[in-house]
Structures are given as structure tokens and as C-alpha cells.
Amino acid sequence: MRVIIQRASEASVTIEGHIKSAMGRGLLVLAGFEEEDTIEDLEWMAAKLVNLRIFSDENGLMNLSVKDINGDIIVISQFTLYALTKKGNRPSFIRAAKPDKAIPLYEKFVFLVSRELGKNVGTGEFGADMKVALINDGPVTIHIDSRHKE
């Protein structure tokens, strides 16, 4: 499992002209899944995400988590995080989980993040053409891969 975490002062997801999810201060998370991902990967990533200390404290140091600031999270499925670009100019997505595996992983991940955060998490719509808007605060953008837990 791979995620791109973006600290945001605001973010939204629009599908076919309608806002599906919107938030103020928090995290916009792009999540990609591969066939080998397990429930343990999802649980580890959900805990890591919610407890990652990337928000500033009163001294301007990154010491607070999204949970500490009572922030929001939007999680969007993003199979392109598994793009392979070594050969040619057209990315291959062969490592990305197929929808029959990826959809349940995505739904379970959203549930786990919501449980860790203690409130509902915004989402996109799996497979939809989404327009994602955000104001990246900092900017702070972090990549985490569950295959590299150490």
C-alpha cells in the first residue's frame, strides 16, 4: 500500500459537478493498493496516518497529529501511485490491484482511518473521474509505503 499525504488548509473532491467531500484543516490522502496488500498493511497505515506528527505546535514545530488538532481527512483511491515508468513513455499499472481486490481494500482502509480518527472520513468515488482541489499547507507532502515499515 502506498499513500501520498498532503497537509491541507482546505480540500475537496468534486464528481460530475457535485462536491462529494470537503474539509477544512487536515490531510488529503491519495491511497494506492497492490494485490499483495493485507489487513495488517491497512491497519499499520491507518494508525501511521492518523498519528503522524506533521502539524505545528505553539512553537512552530511539527509535533501535532491530525488527531491532536481535531482535523479532517479525505481519502481518495489512486491506482496511479503504482505507475511503472522504466520502459517507454506510457506508464504501466500492472502492479496496482484490480478493482475486485482494490475496492474492498479501499473501503476497509477508509473504515480503519475513520475508527483511528474518531470521526467520519471524506472520500472520493472509486473509479470516478474526480476533480481534487486543495490548498497544500506548507507545502507538506509525504510518501509512505507499507512495504518499507522500518
N, C-alpha and C. Protein backbone atom coordinates (compact mmCIF):
# COMPACT_ATOMS: atom_id res chain seq x y z
N MET A 1 0.84 -1.17 0.00
CA MET A 1 0.00 0.00 0.00
C MET A 1 0.88 1.23 0.00
N ARG A 2 0.47 2.19 -0.79
CA ARG A 2 1.19 3.47 -0.85
C ARG A 2 0.21 4.60 -0.61
N VAL A 3 0.69 5.62 0.09
CA VAL A 3 -0.10 6.83 0.25
C VAL A 3 0.76 8.05 -0.01
N ILE A 4 0.12 9.07 -0.50
CA ILE A 4 0.68 10.41 -0.55
C ILE A 4 -0.18 11.23 0.38
N ILE A 5 0.45 11.81 1.39
CA ILE A 5 -0.25 12.60 2.40
C ILE A 5 0.08 14.06 2.14
N GLN A 6 -0.96 14.87 2.05
CA GLN A 6 -0.76 16.30 1.86
C GLN A 6 -1.46 17.05 2.99
N ARG A 7 -0.67 17.81 3.73
CA ARG A 7 -1.24 18.64 4.79
C ARG A 7 -1.97 19.79 4.11
N ALA A 8 -3.24 19.95 4.45
CA ALA A 8 -4.06 20.93 3.74
C ALA A 8 -4.75 21.89 4.70
N SER A 9 -4.90 23.12 4.24
CA SER A 9 -5.74 24.06 4.98
C SER A 9 -7.18 23.93 4.52
N GLU A 10 -7.38 23.38 3.32
CA GLU A 10 -8.71 23.00 2.84
C GLU A 10 -8.55 22.11 1.63
N ALA A 11 -9.56 21.26 1.39
CA ALA A 11 -9.54 20.35 0.25
C ALA A 11 -10.96 19.92 -0.08
N SER A 12 -11.15 19.50 -1.34
CA SER A 12 -12.46 19.00 -1.75
C SER A 12 -12.31 18.04 -2.92
N VAL A 13 -13.34 17.22 -3.10
CA VAL A 13 -13.42 16.29 -4.21
C VAL A 13 -14.76 16.53 -4.90
N THR A 14 -14.70 16.79 -6.20
CA THR A 14 -15.90 17.05 -6.98
C THR A 14 -16.04 15.97 -8.05
N ILE A 15 -17.25 15.42 -8.17
CA ILE A 15 -17.54 14.39 -9.16
C ILE A 15 -18.77 14.84 -9.95
N GLU A 16 -18.61 14.93 -11.27
CA GLU A 16 -19.70 15.36 -12.16
C GLU A 16 -20.36 16.65 -11.69
N GLY A 17 -19.52 17.60 -11.28
CA GLY A 17 -20.01 18.92 -10.89
C GLY A 17 -20.57 19.03 -9.48
N HIS A 18 -20.56 17.93 -8.71
CA HIS A 18 -21.10 17.94 -7.36
C HIS A 18 -19.99 17.63 -6.36
N ILE A 19 -19.93 18.42 -5.29
CA ILE A 19 -18.91 18.20 -4.27
C ILE A 19 -19.27 16.94 -3.48
N LYS A 20 -18.39 15.96 -3.54
CA LYS A 20 -18.58 14.69 -2.82
C LYS A 20 -18.09 14.81 -1.39
N SER A 21 -16.93 15.46 -1.20
CA SER A 21 -16.35 15.65 0.12
C SER A 21 -15.62 16.99 0.15
N ALA A 22 -15.64 17.61 1.31
CA ALA A 22 -14.91 18.86 1.51
C ALA A 22 -14.46 18.92 2.97
N MET A 23 -13.36 19.58 3.19
CA MET A 23 -12.85 19.70 4.55
C MET A 23 -12.08 21.00 4.71
N GLY A 24 -11.88 21.35 5.97
CA GLY A 24 -11.00 22.45 6.32
C GLY A 24 -9.62 21.89 6.58
N ARG A 25 -9.03 22.26 7.69
CA ARG A 25 -7.67 21.85 8.04
C ARG A 25 -7.60 20.34 8.27
N GLY A 26 -6.60 19.71 7.66
CA GLY A 26 -6.43 18.28 7.84
C GLY A 26 -5.53 17.69 6.79
N LEU A 27 -5.83 16.44 6.39
CA LEU A 27 -5.00 15.70 5.45
C LEU A 27 -5.79 15.25 4.24
N LEU A 28 -5.25 15.48 3.08
CA LEU A 28 -5.75 14.89 1.84
C LEU A 28 -4.83 13.71 1.56
N VAL A 29 -5.41 12.52 1.46
CA VAL A 29 -4.62 11.30 1.32
C VAL A 29 -4.98 10.61 0.02
N LEU A 30 -3.98 10.39 -0.83
CA LEU A 30 -4.13 9.59 -2.03
C LEU A 30 -3.63 8.20 -1.68
N ALA A 31 -4.47 7.17 -1.88
CA ALA A 31 -4.14 5.82 -1.45
C ALA A 31 -4.17 4.85 -2.62
N GLY A 32 -3.06 4.12 -2.79
CA GLY A 32 -2.97 3.12 -3.84
C GLY A 32 -2.76 1.74 -3.23
N PHE A 33 -3.32 0.73 -3.88
CA PHE A 33 -3.26 -0.63 -3.35
C PHE A 33 -2.69 -1.57 -4.39
N GLU A 34 -2.00 -2.63 -3.90
CA GLU A 34 -1.50 -3.67 -4.78
C GLU A 34 -2.06 -5.01 -4.32
N GLU A 35 -1.96 -6.00 -5.19
CA GLU A 35 -2.56 -7.31 -4.92
C GLU A 35 -2.08 -7.93 -3.61
N GLU A 36 -0.84 -7.69 -3.20
CA GLU A 36 -0.26 -8.32 -2.02
C GLU A 36 -0.66 -7.65 -0.71
N ASP A 37 -1.37 -6.54 -0.76
CA ASP A 37 -1.72 -5.83 0.47
C ASP A 37 -2.62 -6.68 1.36
N THR A 38 -2.40 -6.53 2.68
CA THR A 38 -3.13 -7.31 3.67
C THR A 38 -3.82 -6.38 4.65
N ILE A 39 -4.66 -6.94 5.50
CA ILE A 39 -5.31 -6.16 6.55
C ILE A 39 -4.27 -5.54 7.47
N GLU A 40 -3.15 -6.23 7.68
CA GLU A 40 -2.09 -5.68 8.52
C GLU A 40 -1.49 -4.41 7.90
N ASP A 41 -1.34 -4.39 6.57
CA ASP A 41 -0.86 -3.18 5.89
C ASP A 41 -1.83 -2.03 6.12
N LEU A 42 -3.11 -2.31 5.98
CA LEU A 42 -4.14 -1.28 6.15
C LEU A 42 -4.16 -0.74 7.57
N GLU A 43 -4.11 -1.64 8.54
CA GLU A 43 -4.13 -1.23 9.95
C GLU A 43 -2.90 -0.39 10.29
N TRP A 44 -1.73 -0.85 9.83
CA TRP A 44 -0.49 -0.11 10.10
C TRP A 44 -0.56 1.28 9.49
N MET A 45 -1.02 1.37 8.23
CA MET A 45 -1.08 2.66 7.53
C MET A 45 -2.10 3.59 8.17
N ALA A 46 -3.25 3.07 8.57
CA ALA A 46 -4.28 3.92 9.20
C ALA A 46 -3.74 4.53 10.49
N ALA A 47 -3.08 3.72 11.32
CA ALA A 47 -2.52 4.23 12.57
C ALA A 47 -1.40 5.24 12.30
N LYS A 48 -0.54 4.92 11.34
CA LYS A 48 0.56 5.82 10.99
C LYS A 48 0.03 7.17 10.51
N LEU A 49 -0.96 7.12 9.65
CA LEU A 49 -1.54 8.33 9.07
C LEU A 49 -2.16 9.25 10.14
N VAL A 50 -2.98 8.69 10.98
CA VAL A 50 -3.70 9.49 11.98
C VAL A 50 -2.76 10.04 13.05
N ASN A 51 -1.67 9.33 13.32
CA ASN A 51 -0.76 9.75 14.39
C ASN A 51 0.50 10.46 13.89
N LEU A 52 0.64 10.61 12.59
CA LEU A 52 1.81 11.28 12.02
C LEU A 52 1.85 12.74 12.46
N ARG A 53 2.93 13.14 13.09
CA ARG A 53 3.02 14.49 13.66
C ARG A 53 3.59 15.47 12.63
N ILE A 54 2.69 16.06 11.86
CA ILE A 54 3.12 16.99 10.80
C ILE A 54 2.42 18.34 10.89
N PHE A 55 1.72 18.59 12.00
CA PHE A 55 1.10 19.89 12.22
C PHE A 55 1.89 20.63 13.28
N SER A 56 1.97 21.93 13.13
CA SER A 56 2.79 22.75 14.02
C SER A 56 2.16 22.94 15.39
N ASP A 57 3.02 22.90 16.40
CA ASP A 57 2.58 23.21 17.76
C ASP A 57 2.73 24.71 18.00
N GLU A 58 2.56 25.15 19.24
CA GLU A 58 2.63 26.59 19.57
C GLU A 58 4.02 27.18 19.32
N ASN A 59 5.04 26.33 19.17
CA ASN A 59 6.40 26.79 18.90
C ASN A 59 6.77 26.69 17.42
N GLY A 60 5.82 26.32 16.59
CA GLY A 60 6.08 26.20 15.17
C GLY A 60 6.77 24.90 14.76
N LEU A 61 6.84 23.94 15.67
CA LEU A 61 7.48 22.65 15.38
C LEU A 61 6.42 21.62 15.01
N MET A 62 6.77 20.71 14.10
CA MET A 62 5.84 19.65 13.70
C MET A 62 5.77 18.62 14.81
N ASN A 63 4.85 18.84 15.74
CA ASN A 63 4.69 17.96 16.89
C ASN A 63 3.28 17.46 17.08
N LEU A 64 2.35 17.87 16.24
CA LEU A 64 0.95 17.51 16.42
C LEU A 64 0.44 16.66 15.25
N SER A 65 -0.43 15.74 15.56
CA SER A 65 -1.05 14.90 14.53
C SER A 65 -2.39 15.50 14.12
N VAL A 66 -2.96 14.95 13.07
CA VAL A 66 -4.29 15.39 12.63
C VAL A 66 -5.31 15.12 13.74
N LYS A 67 -5.10 14.06 14.48
CA LYS A 67 -5.99 13.74 15.60
C LYS A 67 -5.85 14.79 16.69
N ASP A 68 -4.61 15.22 16.98
CA ASP A 68 -4.36 16.22 18.01
C ASP A 68 -5.06 17.55 17.72
N ILE A 69 -5.13 17.92 16.44
CA ILE A 69 -5.72 19.21 16.08
C ILE A 69 -7.21 19.09 15.75
N ASN A 70 -7.76 17.88 15.92
CA ASN A 70 -9.16 17.60 15.55
C ASN A 70 -9.41 17.94 14.09
N GLY A 71 -8.41 17.61 13.25
CA GLY A 71 -8.52 17.88 11.82
C GLY A 71 -9.33 16.82 11.10
N ASP A 72 -9.52 17.06 9.82
CA ASP A 72 -10.29 16.16 8.97
C ASP A 72 -9.37 15.41 8.02
N ILE A 73 -9.90 14.36 7.41
CA ILE A 73 -9.16 13.59 6.42
C ILE A 73 -10.09 13.25 5.26
N ILE A 74 -9.56 13.39 4.06
CA ILE A 74 -10.21 12.87 2.86
C ILE A 74 -9.28 11.83 2.27
N VAL A 75 -9.81 10.63 1.98
CA VAL A 75 -9.02 9.54 1.39
C VAL A 75 -9.56 9.28 -0.02
N ILE A 76 -8.66 9.35 -1.00
CA ILE A 76 -9.03 9.15 -2.39
C ILE A 76 -8.23 7.99 -2.96
N SER A 77 -8.93 7.07 -3.63
CA SER A 77 -8.24 5.95 -4.27
C SER A 77 -7.41 6.48 -5.44
N GLN A 78 -6.20 5.93 -5.60
CA GLN A 78 -5.28 6.46 -6.60
C GLN A 78 -4.38 5.34 -7.13
N PHE A 79 -4.88 4.56 -8.07
CA PHE A 79 -4.09 3.43 -8.59
C PHE A 79 -2.82 3.89 -9.28
N THR A 80 -2.77 5.14 -9.74
CA THR A 80 -1.58 5.61 -10.45
C THR A 80 -0.35 5.73 -9.55
N LEU A 81 -0.52 5.57 -8.24
CA LEU A 81 0.65 5.55 -7.36
C LEU A 81 1.55 4.35 -7.64
N TYR A 82 1.01 3.37 -8.35
CA TYR A 82 1.79 2.19 -8.72
C TYR A 82 2.25 2.22 -10.18
N ALA A 83 2.33 3.39 -10.75
CA ALA A 83 2.80 3.52 -12.12
C ALA A 83 4.25 3.06 -12.25
N LEU A 84 4.50 2.26 -13.27
CA LEU A 84 5.86 1.86 -13.63
C LEU A 84 6.22 2.64 -14.89
N THR A 85 7.35 3.34 -14.83
CA THR A 85 7.73 4.22 -15.94
C THR A 85 9.10 3.91 -16.51
N LYS A 86 9.65 2.75 -16.17
CA LYS A 86 11.00 2.40 -16.61
C LYS A 86 11.11 2.25 -18.12
N LYS A 87 10.12 1.59 -18.72
CA LYS A 87 10.16 1.34 -20.16
C LYS A 87 9.19 2.27 -20.89
N GLY A 88 9.66 2.91 -21.93
CA GLY A 88 8.81 3.74 -22.76
C GLY A 88 8.26 4.96 -22.05
N ASN A 89 7.26 5.56 -22.66
CA ASN A 89 6.68 6.79 -22.14
C ASN A 89 5.25 6.63 -21.64
N ARG A 90 4.69 5.45 -21.81
CA ARG A 90 3.35 5.20 -21.29
C ARG A 90 3.48 4.41 -20.00
N PRO A 91 2.97 4.95 -18.88
CA PRO A 91 3.07 4.22 -17.61
C PRO A 91 2.31 2.90 -17.66
N SER A 92 2.84 1.92 -16.98
CA SER A 92 2.16 0.64 -16.79
C SER A 92 1.64 0.60 -15.36
N PHE A 93 0.45 0.06 -15.20
CA PHE A 93 -0.15 -0.03 -13.87
C PHE A 93 -0.36 -1.47 -13.45
N ILE A 94 0.47 -2.35 -13.96
CA ILE A 94 0.34 -3.78 -13.72
C ILE A 94 0.46 -4.14 -12.23
N ARG A 95 1.17 -3.34 -11.45
CA ARG A 95 1.33 -3.64 -10.01
C ARG A 95 0.14 -3.19 -9.19
N ALA A 96 -0.70 -2.33 -9.73
CA ALA A 96 -1.87 -1.86 -8.98
C ALA A 96 -2.90 -2.97 -8.88
N ALA A 97 -3.55 -3.06 -7.73
CA ALA A 97 -4.59 -4.06 -7.53
C ALA A 97 -5.75 -3.80 -8.48
N LYS A 98 -6.31 -4.88 -8.99
CA LYS A 98 -7.50 -4.78 -9.84
C LYS A 98 -8.69 -4.39 -8.97
N PRO A 99 -9.73 -3.80 -9.57
CA PRO A 99 -10.87 -3.32 -8.78
C PRO A 99 -11.48 -4.34 -7.83
N ASP A 100 -11.57 -5.61 -8.21
CA ASP A 100 -12.18 -6.60 -7.32
C ASP A 100 -11.41 -6.77 -6.02
N LYS A 101 -10.13 -6.47 -6.03
CA LYS A 101 -9.30 -6.52 -4.82
C LYS A 101 -9.17 -5.11 -4.21
N ALA A 102 -9.00 -4.10 -5.07
CA ALA A 102 -8.73 -2.74 -4.59
C ALA A 102 -9.93 -2.09 -3.90
N ILE A 103 -11.13 -2.32 -4.41
CA ILE A 103 -12.31 -1.68 -3.81
C ILE A 103 -12.50 -2.11 -2.35
N PRO A 104 -12.49 -3.41 -2.05
CA PRO A 104 -12.61 -3.80 -0.64
C PRO A 104 -11.46 -3.27 0.23
N LEU A 105 -10.25 -3.23 -0.32
CA LEU A 105 -9.12 -2.68 0.43
C LEU A 105 -9.34 -1.19 0.73
N TYR A 106 -9.78 -0.46 -0.27
CA TYR A 106 -10.05 0.97 -0.10
C TYR A 106 -11.13 1.19 0.95
N GLU A 107 -12.22 0.47 0.84
CA GLU A 107 -13.33 0.63 1.79
C GLU A 107 -12.90 0.28 3.21
N LYS A 108 -12.13 -0.78 3.36
CA LYS A 108 -11.64 -1.17 4.68
C LYS A 108 -10.68 -0.12 5.22
N PHE A 109 -9.81 0.41 4.37
CA PHE A 109 -8.88 1.45 4.80
C PHE A 109 -9.63 2.68 5.28
N VAL A 110 -10.63 3.11 4.54
CA VAL A 110 -11.42 4.28 4.96
C VAL A 110 -12.05 4.01 6.32
N PHE A 111 -12.61 2.81 6.52
CA PHE A 111 -13.20 2.45 7.81
C PHE A 111 -12.15 2.53 8.93
N LEU A 112 -10.96 1.97 8.69
CA LEU A 112 -9.92 1.95 9.71
C LEU A 112 -9.42 3.36 10.04
N VAL A 113 -9.27 4.20 9.03
CA VAL A 113 -8.84 5.58 9.27
C VAL A 113 -9.90 6.31 10.09
N SER A 114 -11.16 6.12 9.73
CA SER A 114 -12.26 6.75 10.46
C SER A 114 -12.27 6.31 11.92
N ARG A 115 -12.06 5.02 12.14
CA ARG A 115 -12.03 4.49 13.51
C ARG A 115 -10.86 5.08 14.29
N GLU A 116 -9.69 5.14 13.67
CA GLU A 116 -8.50 5.71 14.34
C GLU A 116 -8.69 7.20 14.65
N LEU A 117 -9.32 7.92 13.72
CA LEU A 117 -9.52 9.36 13.87
C LEU A 117 -10.64 9.67 14.85
N GLY A 118 -11.61 8.77 14.94
CA GLY A 118 -12.73 9.00 15.84
C GLY A 118 -13.86 9.80 15.22
N LYS A 119 -13.84 9.92 13.90
CA LYS A 119 -14.92 10.60 13.19
C LYS A 119 -14.91 10.20 11.73
N ASN A 120 -15.97 10.54 11.02
CA ASN A 120 -16.08 10.16 9.61
C ASN A 120 -14.97 10.79 8.78
N VAL A 121 -14.59 10.05 7.76
CA VAL A 121 -13.55 10.47 6.83
C VAL A 121 -14.22 10.72 5.48
N GLY A 122 -13.82 11.80 4.81
CA GLY A 122 -14.34 12.08 3.47
C GLY A 122 -13.71 11.13 2.46
N THR A 123 -14.40 10.93 1.35
CA THR A 123 -13.89 10.05 0.31
C THR A 123 -14.16 10.64 -1.06
N GLY A 124 -13.52 10.01 -2.04
CA GLY A 124 -13.87 10.21 -3.42
C GLY A 124 -14.81 9.07 -3.79
N GLU A 125 -14.77 8.69 -5.05
CA GLU A 125 -15.56 7.55 -5.51
C GLU A 125 -14.65 6.69 -6.37
N PHE A 126 -14.48 5.45 -5.98
CA PHE A 126 -13.56 4.56 -6.67
C PHE A 126 -13.89 4.50 -8.16
N GLY A 127 -12.89 4.76 -8.99
CA GLY A 127 -13.03 4.66 -10.43
C GLY A 127 -13.68 5.87 -11.11
N ALA A 128 -14.13 6.84 -10.34
CA ALA A 128 -14.79 8.02 -10.93
C ALA A 128 -13.76 9.02 -11.44
N ASP A 129 -14.18 9.87 -12.36
CA ASP A 129 -13.37 11.00 -12.81
C ASP A 129 -13.57 12.10 -11.78
N MET A 130 -12.58 12.29 -10.93
CA MET A 130 -12.69 13.23 -9.82
C MET A 130 -11.85 14.46 -10.06
N LYS A 131 -12.34 15.57 -9.59
CA LYS A 131 -11.59 16.82 -9.58
C LYS A 131 -11.24 17.08 -8.12
N VAL A 132 -9.95 17.04 -7.83
CA VAL A 132 -9.47 17.19 -6.46
C VAL A 132 -8.82 18.56 -6.33
N ALA A 133 -9.29 19.32 -5.35
CA ALA A 133 -8.73 20.65 -5.09
C ALA A 133 -8.17 20.68 -3.68
N LEU A 134 -7.04 21.33 -3.53
CA LEU A 134 -6.51 21.50 -2.18
C LEU A 134 -5.62 22.71 -2.11
N ILE A 135 -5.54 23.24 -0.93
CA ILE A 135 -4.52 24.23 -0.61
C ILE A 135 -3.55 23.50 0.31
N ASN A 136 -2.39 23.17 -0.26
CA ASN A 136 -1.38 22.41 0.47
C ASN A 136 -0.72 23.38 1.43
N ASP A 137 -0.82 23.07 2.71
CA ASP A 137 -0.32 23.93 3.78
C ASP A 137 1.14 23.63 4.05
N GLY A 138 2.01 24.55 3.71
CA GLY A 138 3.43 24.38 3.99
C GLY A 138 4.33 24.75 2.82
N PRO A 139 4.33 24.02 1.74
CA PRO A 139 3.65 22.76 1.48
C PRO A 139 4.30 21.61 2.22
N VAL A 140 3.45 20.67 2.66
CA VAL A 140 3.92 19.44 3.28
C VAL A 140 3.28 18.29 2.52
N THR A 141 4.13 17.46 1.90
CA THR A 141 3.69 16.28 1.15
C THR A 141 4.61 15.13 1.53
N ILE A 142 4.01 14.01 1.96
CA ILE A 142 4.79 12.88 2.44
C ILE A 142 4.32 11.60 1.77
N HIS A 143 5.27 10.78 1.36
CA HIS A 143 5.02 9.48 0.73
C HIS A 143 5.32 8.38 1.74
N ILE A 144 4.40 7.43 1.91
CA ILE A 144 4.64 6.28 2.79
C ILE A 144 4.23 5.02 2.04
N ASP A 145 5.06 4.00 2.15
CA ASP A 145 4.80 2.71 1.52
C ASP A 145 4.83 1.63 2.61
N SER A 146 3.78 0.83 2.68
CA SER A 146 3.70 -0.19 3.74
C SER A 146 4.76 -1.28 3.58
N ARG A 147 5.41 -1.34 2.43
CA ARG A 147 6.49 -2.32 2.23
C ARG A 147 7.79 -1.84 2.87
N HIS A 148 7.81 -0.61 3.34
CA HIS A 148 9.01 -0.01 3.95
C HIS A 148 8.66 0.51 5.34
N LYS A 149 8.30 -0.39 6.23
CA LYS A 149 7.85 0.00 7.58
C LYS A 149 8.99 0.38 8.51
N GLU A 150 10.19 -0.04 8.21
CA GLU A 150 11.30 0.28 9.11
C GLU A 150 11.78 1.69 8.92
